Amino acid sequence: RIGFQGRRYETSTLGTKRFHDKFDDYLAFLEPRLREAYRILAPHGS
């Protein structure tokens, strides 16, 4: 790559982070986790 004042630069990849974000039934995935979290939440909790 050529940058400011014609200086050359080399680009290297440090790494890629990824995760899959697709659910056939989103609420079926989320609901049991939220129900457990409700139990775990303190009586004064947010």
ModelCIF file with pLDDT and N, C-alpha, C, O atoms, coordinates in Angstrom:
data_MODEL
#
_entry.id   MODEL 
#
_entity.id                         1 
_entity.type                       polymer 
_entity.pdbx_number_of_molecules   1 
#
_entity_poly.entity_id                      1 
_entity_poly.type                           'polypeptide(L)' 
_entity_poly.nstd_linkage                   no 
_entity_poly.nstd_monomer                   no 
_entity_poly.pdbx_seq_one_letter_code       RIGFQGRRYETSTLGTKRFHDKFDDYLAFLEPRLREAYRILAPHGS 
_entity_poly.pdbx_seq_one_letter_code_can   RIGFQGRRYETSTLGTKRFHDKFDDYLAFLEPRLREAYRILAPHGS 
_entity_poly.pdbx_strand_id                 A 
#
loop_
_entity_poly_seq.entity_id 
_entity_poly_seq.num 
_entity_poly_seq.mon_id 
_entity_poly_seq.hetero 
1 1  ARG n 
1 2  ILE n 
1 3  GLY n 
1 4  PHE n 
1 5  GLN n 
1 6  GLY n 
1 7  ARG n 
1 8  ARG n 
1 9  TYR n 
1 10 GLU n 
1 11 THR n 
1 12 SER n 
1 13 THR n 
1 14 LEU n 
1 15 GLY n 
1 16 THR n 
1 17 LYS n 
1 18 ARG n 
1 19 PHE n 
1 20 HIS n 
1 21 ASP n 
1 22 LYS n 
1 23 PHE n 
1 24 ASP n 
1 25 ASP n 
1 26 TYR n 
1 27 LEU n 
1 28 ALA n 
1 29 PHE n 
1 30 LEU n 
1 31 GLU n 
1 32 PRO n 
1 33 ARG n 
1 34 LEU n 
1 35 ARG n 
1 36 GLU n 
1 37 ALA n 
1 38 TYR n 
1 39 ARG n 
1 40 ILE n 
1 41 LEU n 
1 42 ALA n 
1 43 PRO n 
1 44 HIS n 
1 45 GLY n 
1 46 SER n 
#
_struct_asym.id          A 
_struct_asym.entity_id   1 
#
loop_
_ma_qa_metric.id 
_ma_qa_metric.mode 
_ma_qa_metric.name 
_ma_qa_metric.software_group_id 
_ma_qa_metric.type 
1 global pLDDT . pLDDT 
2 local  pLDDT . pLDDT 
#
_ma_qa_metric_global.metric_id      1 
_ma_qa_metric_global.metric_value   74.70 
_ma_qa_metric_global.model_id       1 
_ma_qa_metric_global.ordinal_id     1 
#
loop_
_ma_qa_metric_local.label_asym_id 
_ma_qa_metric_local.label_comp_id 
_ma_qa_metric_local.label_seq_id 
_ma_qa_metric_local.metric_id 
_ma_qa_metric_local.metric_value 
_ma_qa_metric_local.model_id 
_ma_qa_metric_local.ordinal_id 
A ARG 1  2 61.00 1 1  
A ILE 2  2 62.00 1 2  
A GLY 3  2 54.00 1 3  
A PHE 4  2 47.00 1 4  
A GLN 5  2 54.00 1 5  
A GLY 6  2 63.00 1 6  
A ARG 7  2 63.00 1 7  
A ARG 8  2 62.00 1 8  
A TYR 9  2 58.00 1 9  
A GLU 10 2 67.00 1 10 
A THR 11 2 56.00 1 11 
A SER 12 2 58.00 1 12 
A THR 13 2 55.00 1 13 
A LEU 14 2 49.00 1 14 
A GLY 15 2 51.00 1 15 
A THR 16 2 47.00 1 16 
A LYS 17 2 46.00 1 17 
A ARG 18 2 45.00 1 18 
A PHE 19 2 41.00 1 19 
A HIS 20 2 53.00 1 20 
A ASP 21 2 42.00 1 21 
A LYS 22 2 58.00 1 22 
A PHE 23 2 61.00 1 23 
A ASP 24 2 76.00 1 24 
A ASP 25 2 88.00 1 25 
A TYR 26 2 88.00 1 26 
A LEU 27 2 91.00 1 27 
A ALA 28 2 92.00 1 28 
A PHE 29 2 93.00 1 29 
A LEU 30 2 95.00 1 30 
A GLU 31 2 95.00 1 31 
A PRO 32 2 96.00 1 32 
A ARG 33 2 97.00 1 33 
A LEU 34 2 97.00 1 34 
A ARG 35 2 97.00 1 35 
A GLU 36 2 98.00 1 36 
A ALA 37 2 98.00 1 37 
A TYR 38 2 98.00 1 38 
A ARG 39 2 98.00 1 39 
A ILE 40 2 98.00 1 40 
A LEU 41 2 98.00 1 41 
A ALA 42 2 98.00 1 42 
A PRO 43 2 98.00 1 43 
A HIS 44 2 98.00 1 44 
A GLY 45 2 98.00 1 45 
A SER 46 2 98.00 1 46 
#
loop_
_atom_site.group_PDB 
_atom_site.id 
_atom_site.type_symbol 
_atom_site.label_atom_id 
_atom_site.label_alt_id 
_atom_site.label_comp_id 
_atom_site.label_asym_id 
_atom_site.label_entity_id 
_atom_site.label_seq_id 
_atom_site.pdbx_PDB_ins_code 
_atom_site.Cartn_x 
_atom_site.Cartn_y 
_atom_site.Cartn_z 
_atom_site.occupancy 
_atom_site.B_iso_or_equiv 
_atom_site.pdbx_formal_charge 
_atom_site.auth_seq_id 
_atom_site.auth_comp_id 
_atom_site.auth_asym_id 
_atom_site.auth_atom_id 
_atom_site.pdbx_PDB_model_num 
ATOM 1   N N  . ARG A 1 1  ? 0.842   -1.194  0.000  1.00 61.00 ? 1  ARG A N  1 
ATOM 2   C CA . ARG A 1 1  ? 0.000   0.000   0.000  1.00 61.00 ? 1  ARG A CA 1 
ATOM 3   C C  . ARG A 1 1  ? 0.878   1.246   0.000  1.00 61.00 ? 1  ARG A C  1 
ATOM 4   O O  . ARG A 1 1  ? 1.964   1.267   0.579  1.00 61.00 ? 1  ARG A O  1 
ATOM 5   N N  . ILE A 1 2  ? 0.384   2.262   -0.654 1.00 62.00 ? 2  ILE A N  1 
ATOM 6   C CA . ILE A 1 2  ? 1.089   3.542   -0.691 1.00 62.00 ? 2  ILE A CA 1 
ATOM 7   C C  . ILE A 1 2  ? 0.264   4.551   0.097  1.00 62.00 ? 2  ILE A C  1 
ATOM 8   O O  . ILE A 1 2  ? -0.931  4.719   -0.147 1.00 62.00 ? 2  ILE A O  1 
ATOM 9   N N  . GLY A 1 3  ? 0.915   5.221   1.044  1.00 54.00 ? 3  GLY A N  1 
ATOM 10  C CA . GLY A 1 3  ? 0.224   6.174   1.892  1.00 54.00 ? 3  GLY A CA 1 
ATOM 11  C C  . GLY A 1 3  ? 0.754   7.578   1.735  1.00 54.00 ? 3  GLY A C  1 
ATOM 12  O O  . GLY A 1 3  ? 1.107   7.993   0.632  1.00 54.00 ? 3  GLY A O  1 
ATOM 13  N N  . PHE A 1 4  ? 0.812   8.318   2.838  1.00 47.00 ? 4  PHE A N  1 
ATOM 14  C CA . PHE A 1 4  ? 1.190   9.723   2.846  1.00 47.00 ? 4  PHE A CA 1 
ATOM 15  C C  . PHE A 1 4  ? 2.602   9.924   2.288  1.00 47.00 ? 4  PHE A C  1 
ATOM 16  O O  . PHE A 1 4  ? 3.535   9.207   2.650  1.00 47.00 ? 4  PHE A O  1 
ATOM 17  N N  . GLN A 1 5  ? 2.736   10.910  1.403  1.00 54.00 ? 5  GLN A N  1 
ATOM 18  C CA . GLN A 1 5  ? 4.001   11.268  0.780  1.00 54.00 ? 5  GLN A CA 1 
ATOM 19  C C  . GLN A 1 5  ? 4.654   10.093  0.052  1.00 54.00 ? 5  GLN A C  1 
ATOM 20  O O  . GLN A 1 5  ? 5.879   10.015  -0.037 1.00 54.00 ? 5  GLN A O  1 
ATOM 21  N N  . GLY A 1 6  ? 3.833   9.187   -0.463 1.00 63.00 ? 6  GLY A N  1 
ATOM 22  C CA . GLY A 1 6  ? 4.347   8.088   -1.259 1.00 63.00 ? 6  GLY A CA 1 
ATOM 23  C C  . GLY A 1 6  ? 5.007   6.976   -0.475 1.00 63.00 ? 6  GLY A C  1 
ATOM 24  O O  . GLY A 1 6  ? 5.601   6.079   -1.073 1.00 63.00 ? 6  GLY A O  1 
ATOM 25  N N  . ARG A 1 7  ? 4.922   7.005   0.854  1.00 63.00 ? 7  ARG A N  1 
ATOM 26  C CA . ARG A 1 7  ? 5.547   5.946   1.645  1.00 63.00 ? 7  ARG A CA 1 
ATOM 27  C C  . ARG A 1 7  ? 4.759   4.649   1.505  1.00 63.00 ? 7  ARG A C  1 
ATOM 28  O O  . ARG A 1 7  ? 3.535   4.649   1.381  1.00 63.00 ? 7  ARG A O  1 
ATOM 29  N N  . ARG A 1 8  ? 5.506   3.540   1.530  1.00 62.00 ? 8  ARG A N  1 
ATOM 30  C CA . ARG A 1 8  ? 4.888   2.237   1.378  1.00 62.00 ? 8  ARG A CA 1 
ATOM 31  C C  . ARG A 1 8  ? 4.620   1.585   2.745  1.00 62.00 ? 8  ARG A C  1 
ATOM 32  O O  . ARG A 1 8  ? 5.382   1.747   3.699  1.00 62.00 ? 8  ARG A O  1 
ATOM 33  N N  . TYR A 1 9  ? 3.512   0.849   2.797  1.00 58.00 ? 9  TYR A N  1 
ATOM 34  C CA . TYR A 1 9  ? 3.113   0.184   4.029  1.00 58.00 ? 9  TYR A CA 1 
ATOM 35  C C  . TYR A 1 9  ? 2.711   -1.246  3.726  1.00 58.00 ? 9  TYR A C  1 
ATOM 36  O O  . TYR A 1 9  ? 2.185   -1.541  2.653  1.00 58.00 ? 9  TYR A O  1 
ATOM 37  N N  . GLU A 1 10 ? 2.964   -2.136  4.680  1.00 67.00 ? 10 GLU A N  1 
ATOM 38  C CA . GLU A 1 10 ? 2.588   -3.537  4.585  1.00 67.00 ? 10 GLU A CA 1 
ATOM 39  C C  . GLU A 1 10 ? 1.464   -3.822  5.575  1.00 67.00 ? 10 GLU A C  1 
ATOM 40  O O  . GLU A 1 10 ? 1.525   -3.408  6.732  1.00 67.00 ? 10 GLU A O  1 
ATOM 41  N N  . THR A 1 11 ? 0.456   -4.519  5.118  1.00 56.00 ? 11 THR A N  1 
ATOM 42  C CA . THR A 1 11 ? -0.683  -4.854  5.956  1.00 56.00 ? 11 THR A CA 1 
ATOM 43  C C  . THR A 1 11 ? -0.655  -6.331  6.314  1.00 56.00 ? 11 THR A C  1 
ATOM 44  O O  . THR A 1 11 ? -0.510  -7.187  5.442  1.00 56.00 ? 11 THR A O  1 
ATOM 45  N N  . SER A 1 12 ? -0.792  -6.621  7.588  1.00 58.00 ? 12 SER A N  1 
ATOM 46  C CA . SER A 1 12 ? -0.848  -8.008  8.042  1.00 58.00 ? 12 SER A CA 1 
ATOM 47  C C  . SER A 1 12 ? -2.120  -8.219  8.854  1.00 58.00 ? 12 SER A C  1 
ATOM 48  O O  . SER A 1 12 ? -2.605  -7.303  9.518  1.00 58.00 ? 12 SER A O  1 
ATOM 49  N N  . THR A 1 13 ? -2.648  -9.426  8.794  1.00 55.00 ? 13 THR A N  1 
ATOM 50  C CA . THR A 1 13 ? -3.871  -9.769  9.520  1.00 55.00 ? 13 THR A CA 1 
ATOM 51  C C  . THR A 1 13 ? -3.520  -10.317 10.888 1.00 55.00 ? 13 THR A C  1 
ATOM 52  O O  . THR A 1 13 ? -2.722  -11.247 11.012 1.00 55.00 ? 13 THR A O  1 
ATOM 53  N N  . LEU A 1 14 ? -4.130  -9.725  11.932 1.00 49.00 ? 14 LEU A N  1 
ATOM 54  C CA . LEU A 1 14 ? -3.868  -10.169 13.294 1.00 49.00 ? 14 LEU A CA 1 
ATOM 55  C C  . LEU A 1 14 ? -4.791  -11.308 13.710 1.00 49.00 ? 14 LEU A C  1 
ATOM 56  O O  . LEU A 1 14 ? -4.454  -12.090 14.599 1.00 49.00 ? 14 LEU A O  1 
ATOM 57  N N  . GLY A 1 15 ? -5.940  -11.403 13.077 1.00 51.00 ? 15 GLY A N  1 
ATOM 58  C CA . GLY A 1 15 ? -6.864  -12.473 13.430 1.00 51.00 ? 15 GLY A CA 1 
ATOM 59  C C  . GLY A 1 15 ? -8.298  -12.068 13.188 1.00 51.00 ? 15 GLY A C  1 
ATOM 60  O O  . GLY A 1 15 ? -8.607  -10.886 13.033 1.00 51.00 ? 15 GLY A O  1 
ATOM 61  N N  . THR A 1 16 ? -9.179  -13.066 13.157 1.00 47.00 ? 16 THR A N  1 
ATOM 62  C CA . THR A 1 16 ? -10.602 -12.840 12.943 1.00 47.00 ? 16 THR A CA 1 
ATOM 63  C C  . THR A 1 16 ? -11.399 -13.490 14.058 1.00 47.00 ? 16 THR A C  1 
ATOM 64  O O  . THR A 1 16 ? -11.183 -14.657 14.386 1.00 47.00 ? 16 THR A O  1 
ATOM 65  N N  . LYS A 1 17 ? -12.329 -12.728 14.645 1.00 46.00 ? 17 LYS A N  1 
ATOM 66  C CA . LYS A 1 17 ? -13.251 -13.247 15.651 1.00 46.00 ? 17 LYS A CA 1 
ATOM 67  C C  . LYS A 1 17 ? -14.627 -13.368 15.003 1.00 46.00 ? 17 LYS A C  1 
ATOM 68  O O  . LYS A 1 17 ? -15.046 -12.478 14.263 1.00 46.00 ? 17 LYS A O  1 
ATOM 69  N N  . ARG A 1 18 ? -15.338 -14.475 15.280 1.00 45.00 ? 18 ARG A N  1 
ATOM 70  C CA . ARG A 1 18 ? -16.624 -14.677 14.624 1.00 45.00 ? 18 ARG A CA 1 
ATOM 71  C C  . ARG A 1 18 ? -17.540 -15.526 15.492 1.00 45.00 ? 18 ARG A C  1 
ATOM 72  O O  . ARG A 1 18 ? -17.087 -16.279 16.354 1.00 45.00 ? 18 ARG A O  1 
ATOM 73  N N  . PHE A 1 19 ? -18.834 -15.390 15.245 1.00 41.00 ? 19 PHE A N  1 
ATOM 74  C CA . PHE A 1 19 ? -19.814 -16.311 15.796 1.00 41.00 ? 19 PHE A CA 1 
ATOM 75  C C  . PHE A 1 19 ? -21.033 -16.323 14.876 1.00 41.00 ? 19 PHE A C  1 
ATOM 76  O O  . PHE A 1 19 ? -21.286 -15.359 14.155 1.00 41.00 ? 19 PHE A O  1 
ATOM 77  N N  . HIS A 1 20 ? -21.791 -17.432 14.909 1.00 53.00 ? 20 HIS A N  1 
ATOM 78  C CA . HIS A 1 20 ? -22.968 -17.584 14.069 1.00 53.00 ? 20 HIS A CA 1 
ATOM 79  C C  . HIS A 1 20 ? -24.175 -16.943 14.744 1.00 53.00 ? 20 HIS A C  1 
ATOM 80  O O  . HIS A 1 20 ? -24.351 -17.063 15.957 1.00 53.00 ? 20 HIS A O  1 
ATOM 81  N N  . ASP A 1 21 ? -24.996 -16.270 13.965 1.00 42.00 ? 21 ASP A N  1 
ATOM 82  C CA . ASP A 1 21 ? -26.119 -15.510 14.513 1.00 42.00 ? 21 ASP A CA 1 
ATOM 83  C C  . ASP A 1 21 ? -27.386 -15.827 13.723 1.00 42.00 ? 21 ASP A C  1 
ATOM 84  O O  . ASP A 1 21 ? -27.971 -14.954 13.082 1.00 42.00 ? 21 ASP A O  1 
ATOM 85  N N  . LYS A 1 22 ? -27.798 -17.100 13.784 1.00 58.00 ? 22 LYS A N  1 
ATOM 86  C CA . LYS A 1 22 ? -29.006 -17.508 13.091 1.00 58.00 ? 22 LYS A CA 1 
ATOM 87  C C  . LYS A 1 22 ? -29.706 -18.585 13.903 1.00 58.00 ? 22 LYS A C  1 
ATOM 88  O O  . LYS A 1 22 ? -29.095 -19.578 14.298 1.00 58.00 ? 22 LYS A O  1 
ATOM 89  N N  . PHE A 1 23 ? -30.995 -18.377 14.146 1.00 61.00 ? 23 PHE A N  1 
ATOM 90  C CA . PHE A 1 23 ? -31.786 -19.309 14.945 1.00 61.00 ? 23 PHE A CA 1 
ATOM 91  C C  . PHE A 1 23 ? -33.090 -19.610 14.214 1.00 61.00 ? 23 PHE A C  1 
ATOM 92  O O  . PHE A 1 23 ? -33.760 -18.701 13.725 1.00 61.00 ? 23 PHE A O  1 
ATOM 93  N N  . ASP A 1 24 ? -33.444 -20.899 14.143 1.00 76.00 ? 24 ASP A N  1 
ATOM 94  C CA . ASP A 1 24 ? -34.721 -21.266 13.544 1.00 76.00 ? 24 ASP A CA 1 
ATOM 95  C C  . ASP A 1 24 ? -35.881 -20.807 14.426 1.00 76.00 ? 24 ASP A C  1 
ATOM 96  O O  . ASP A 1 24 ? -36.926 -20.397 13.921 1.00 76.00 ? 24 ASP A O  1 
ATOM 97  N N  . ASP A 1 25 ? -35.692 -20.878 15.757 1.00 88.00 ? 25 ASP A N  1 
ATOM 98  C CA . ASP A 1 25 ? -36.711 -20.421 16.703 1.00 88.00 ? 25 ASP A CA 1 
ATOM 99  C C  . ASP A 1 25 ? -36.003 -19.629 17.794 1.00 88.00 ? 25 ASP A C  1 
ATOM 100 O O  . ASP A 1 25 ? -35.537 -20.191 18.785 1.00 88.00 ? 25 ASP A O  1 
ATOM 101 N N  . TYR A 1 26 ? -35.931 -18.332 17.598 1.00 88.00 ? 26 TYR A N  1 
ATOM 102 C CA . TYR A 1 26 ? -35.147 -17.465 18.484 1.00 88.00 ? 26 TYR A CA 1 
ATOM 103 C C  . TYR A 1 26 ? -35.678 -17.501 19.914 1.00 88.00 ? 26 TYR A C  1 
ATOM 104 O O  . TYR A 1 26 ? -34.894 -17.615 20.857 1.00 88.00 ? 26 TYR A O  1 
ATOM 105 N N  . LEU A 1 27 ? -36.980 -17.406 20.091 1.00 91.00 ? 27 LEU A N  1 
ATOM 106 C CA . LEU A 1 27 ? -37.537 -17.370 21.442 1.00 91.00 ? 27 LEU A CA 1 
ATOM 107 C C  . LEU A 1 27 ? -37.386 -18.712 22.147 1.00 91.00 ? 27 LEU A C  1 
ATOM 108 O O  . LEU A 1 27 ? -37.231 -18.752 23.367 1.00 91.00 ? 27 LEU A O  1 
ATOM 109 N N  . ALA A 1 28 ? -37.429 -19.806 21.398 1.00 92.00 ? 28 ALA A N  1 
ATOM 110 C CA . ALA A 1 28 ? -37.204 -21.111 22.017 1.00 92.00 ? 28 ALA A CA 1 
ATOM 111 C C  . ALA A 1 28 ? -35.790 -21.211 22.564 1.00 92.00 ? 28 ALA A C  1 
ATOM 112 O O  . ALA A 1 28 ? -35.558 -21.882 23.570 1.00 92.00 ? 28 ALA A O  1 
ATOM 113 N N  . PHE A 1 29 ? -34.845 -20.552 21.910 1.00 93.00 ? 29 PHE A N  1 
ATOM 114 C CA . PHE A 1 29 ? -33.471 -20.483 22.407 1.00 93.00 ? 29 PHE A CA 1 
ATOM 115 C C  . PHE A 1 29 ? -33.374 -19.564 23.616 1.00 93.00 ? 29 PHE A C  1 
ATOM 116 O O  . PHE A 1 29 ? -32.705 -19.899 24.594 1.00 93.00 ? 29 PHE A O  1 
ATOM 117 N N  . LEU A 1 30 ? -34.025 -18.419 23.562 1.00 95.00 ? 30 LEU A N  1 
ATOM 118 C CA . LEU A 1 30 ? -33.845 -17.385 24.575 1.00 95.00 ? 30 LEU A CA 1 
ATOM 119 C C  . LEU A 1 30 ? -34.656 -17.649 25.843 1.00 95.00 ? 30 LEU A C  1 
ATOM 120 O O  . LEU A 1 30 ? -34.174 -17.389 26.946 1.00 95.00 ? 30 LEU A O  1 
ATOM 121 N N  . GLU A 1 31 ? -35.857 -18.150 25.705 1.00 95.00 ? 31 GLU A N  1 
ATOM 122 C CA . GLU A 1 31 ? -36.779 -18.218 26.839 1.00 95.00 ? 31 GLU A CA 1 
ATOM 123 C C  . GLU A 1 31 ? -36.238 -18.990 28.043 1.00 95.00 ? 31 GLU A C  1 
ATOM 124 O O  . GLU A 1 31 ? -36.292 -18.458 29.151 1.00 95.00 ? 31 GLU A O  1 
ATOM 125 N N  . PRO A 1 32 ? -35.721 -20.211 27.893 1.00 96.00 ? 32 PRO A N  1 
ATOM 126 C CA . PRO A 1 32 ? -35.246 -20.915 29.094 1.00 96.00 ? 32 PRO A CA 1 
ATOM 127 C C  . PRO A 1 32 ? -34.099 -20.195 29.795 1.00 96.00 ? 32 PRO A C  1 
ATOM 128 O O  . PRO A 1 32 ? -33.959 -20.295 31.014 1.00 96.00 ? 32 PRO A O  1 
ATOM 129 N N  . ARG A 1 33 ? -33.292 -19.482 29.048 1.00 97.00 ? 33 ARG A N  1 
ATOM 130 C CA . ARG A 1 33 ? -32.194 -18.728 29.644 1.00 97.00 ? 33 ARG A CA 1 
ATOM 131 C C  . ARG A 1 33 ? -32.720 -17.524 30.425 1.00 97.00 ? 33 ARG A C  1 
ATOM 132 O O  . ARG A 1 33 ? -32.222 -17.217 31.508 1.00 97.00 ? 33 ARG A O  1 
ATOM 133 N N  . LEU A 1 34 ? -33.710 -16.854 29.882 1.00 97.00 ? 34 LEU A N  1 
ATOM 134 C CA . LEU A 1 34 ? -34.283 -15.717 30.594 1.00 97.00 ? 34 LEU A CA 1 
ATOM 135 C C  . LEU A 1 34 ? -35.042 -16.159 31.831 1.00 97.00 ? 34 LEU A C  1 
ATOM 136 O O  . LEU A 1 34 ? -35.043 -15.454 32.841 1.00 97.00 ? 34 LEU A O  1 
ATOM 137 N N  . ARG A 1 35 ? -35.685 -17.313 31.768 1.00 97.00 ? 35 ARG A N  1 
ATOM 138 C CA . ARG A 1 35 ? -36.397 -17.811 32.944 1.00 97.00 ? 35 ARG A CA 1 
ATOM 139 C C  . ARG A 1 35 ? -35.423 -18.159 34.070 1.00 97.00 ? 35 ARG A C  1 
ATOM 140 O O  . ARG A 1 35 ? -35.690 -17.862 35.234 1.00 97.00 ? 35 ARG A O  1 
ATOM 141 N N  . GLU A 1 36 ? -34.313 -18.778 33.733 1.00 98.00 ? 36 GLU A N  1 
ATOM 142 C CA . GLU A 1 36 ? -33.294 -19.053 34.753 1.00 98.00 ? 36 GLU A CA 1 
ATOM 143 C C  . GLU A 1 36 ? -32.725 -17.752 35.308 1.00 98.00 ? 36 GLU A C  1 
ATOM 144 O O  . GLU A 1 36 ? -32.489 -17.636 36.511 1.00 98.00 ? 36 GLU A O  1 
ATOM 145 N N  . ALA A 1 37 ? -32.505 -16.777 34.433 1.00 98.00 ? 37 ALA A N  1 
ATOM 146 C CA . ALA A 1 37 ? -31.956 -15.503 34.883 1.00 98.00 ? 37 ALA A CA 1 
ATOM 147 C C  . ALA A 1 37 ? -32.920 -14.781 35.823 1.00 98.00 ? 37 ALA A C  1 
ATOM 148 O O  . ALA A 1 37 ? -32.495 -14.119 36.770 1.00 98.00 ? 37 ALA A O  1 
ATOM 149 N N  . TYR A 1 38 ? -34.213 -14.914 35.557 1.00 98.00 ? 38 TYR A N  1 
ATOM 150 C CA . TYR A 1 38 ? -35.206 -14.309 36.450 1.00 98.00 ? 38 TYR A CA 1 
ATOM 151 C C  . TYR A 1 38 ? -35.104 -14.925 37.846 1.00 98.00 ? 38 TYR A C  1 
ATOM 152 O O  . TYR A 1 38 ? -35.192 -14.210 38.844 1.00 98.00 ? 38 TYR A O  1 
ATOM 153 N N  . ARG A 1 39 ? -34.920 -16.234 37.921 1.00 98.00 ? 39 ARG A N  1 
ATOM 154 C CA . ARG A 1 39 ? -34.767 -16.896 39.210 1.00 98.00 ? 39 ARG A CA 1 
ATOM 155 C C  . ARG A 1 39 ? -33.514 -16.420 39.939 1.00 98.00 ? 39 ARG A C  1 
ATOM 156 O O  . ARG A 1 39 ? -33.513 -16.238 41.157 1.00 98.00 ? 39 ARG A O  1 
ATOM 157 N N  . ILE A 1 40 ? -32.451 -16.223 39.168 1.00 98.00 ? 40 ILE A N  1 
ATOM 158 C CA . ILE A 1 40 ? -31.167 -15.831 39.745 1.00 98.00 ? 40 ILE A CA 1 
ATOM 159 C C  . ILE A 1 40 ? -31.182 -14.373 40.205 1.00 98.00 ? 40 ILE A C  1 
ATOM 160 O O  . ILE A 1 40 ? -30.415 -13.998 41.092 1.00 98.00 ? 40 ILE A O  1 
ATOM 161 N N  . LEU A 1 41 ? -32.039 -13.557 39.617 1.00 98.00 ? 41 LEU A N  1 
ATOM 162 C CA . LEU A 1 41 ? -32.084 -12.133 39.929 1.00 98.00 ? 41 LEU A CA 1 
ATOM 163 C C  . LEU A 1 41 ? -32.602 -11.913 41.352 1.00 98.00 ? 41 LEU A C  1 
ATOM 164 O O  . LEU A 1 41 ? -33.591 -12.522 41.759 1.00 98.00 ? 41 LEU A O  1 
ATOM 165 N N  . ALA A 1 42 ? -31.929 -11.042 42.100 1.00 98.00 ? 42 ALA A N  1 
ATOM 166 C CA . ALA A 1 42 ? -32.324 -10.727 43.475 1.00 98.00 ? 42 ALA A CA 1 
ATOM 167 C C  . ALA A 1 42 ? -33.697 -10.060 43.499 1.00 98.00 ? 42 ALA A C  1 
ATOM 168 O O  . ALA A 1 42 ? -34.116 -9.492  42.490 1.00 98.00 ? 42 ALA A O  1 
ATOM 169 N N  . PRO A 1 43 ? -34.410 -10.117 44.628 1.00 98.00 ? 43 PRO A N  1 
ATOM 170 C CA . PRO A 1 43 ? -35.739 -9.494  44.708 1.00 98.00 ? 43 PRO A CA 1 
ATOM 171 C C  . PRO A 1 43 ? -35.741 -8.007  44.370 1.00 98.00 ? 43 PRO A C  1 
ATOM 172 O O  . PRO A 1 43 ? -36.750 -7.479  43.900 1.00 98.00 ? 43 PRO A O  1 
ATOM 173 N N  . HIS A 1 44 ? -34.611 -7.324  44.607 1.00 98.00 ? 44 HIS A N  1 
ATOM 174 C CA . HIS A 1 44 ? -34.515 -5.891  44.292 1.00 98.00 ? 44 HIS A CA 1 
ATOM 175 C C  . HIS A 1 44 ? -33.807 -5.655  42.957 1.00 98.00 ? 44 HIS A C  1 
ATOM 176 O O  . HIS A 1 44 ? -33.442 -4.523  42.638 1.00 98.00 ? 44 HIS A O  1 
ATOM 177 N N  . GLY A 1 45 ? -33.614 -6.724  42.178 1.00 98.00 ? 45 GLY A N  1 
ATOM 178 C CA . GLY A 1 45 ? -32.744 -6.659  41.022 1.00 98.00 ? 45 GLY A CA 1 
ATOM 179 C C  . GLY A 1 45 ? -33.347 -6.007  39.790 1.00 98.00 ? 45 GLY A C  1 
ATOM 180 O O  . GLY A 1 45 ? -34.563 -5.854  39.670 1.00 98.00 ? 45 GLY A O  1 
ATOM 181 N N  . SER A 1 46 ? -32.457 -5.626  38.873 1.00 98.00 ? 46 SER A N  1 
ATOM 182 C CA . SER A 1 46 ? -32.815 -5.016  37.588 1.00 98.00 ? 46 SER A CA 1 
ATOM 183 C C  . SER A 1 46 ? -32.279 -5.876  36.454 1.00 98.00 ? 46 SER A C  1 
ATOM 184 O O  . SER A 1 46 ? -32.469 -5.543  35.284 1.00 98.00 ? 46 SER A O  1 
#
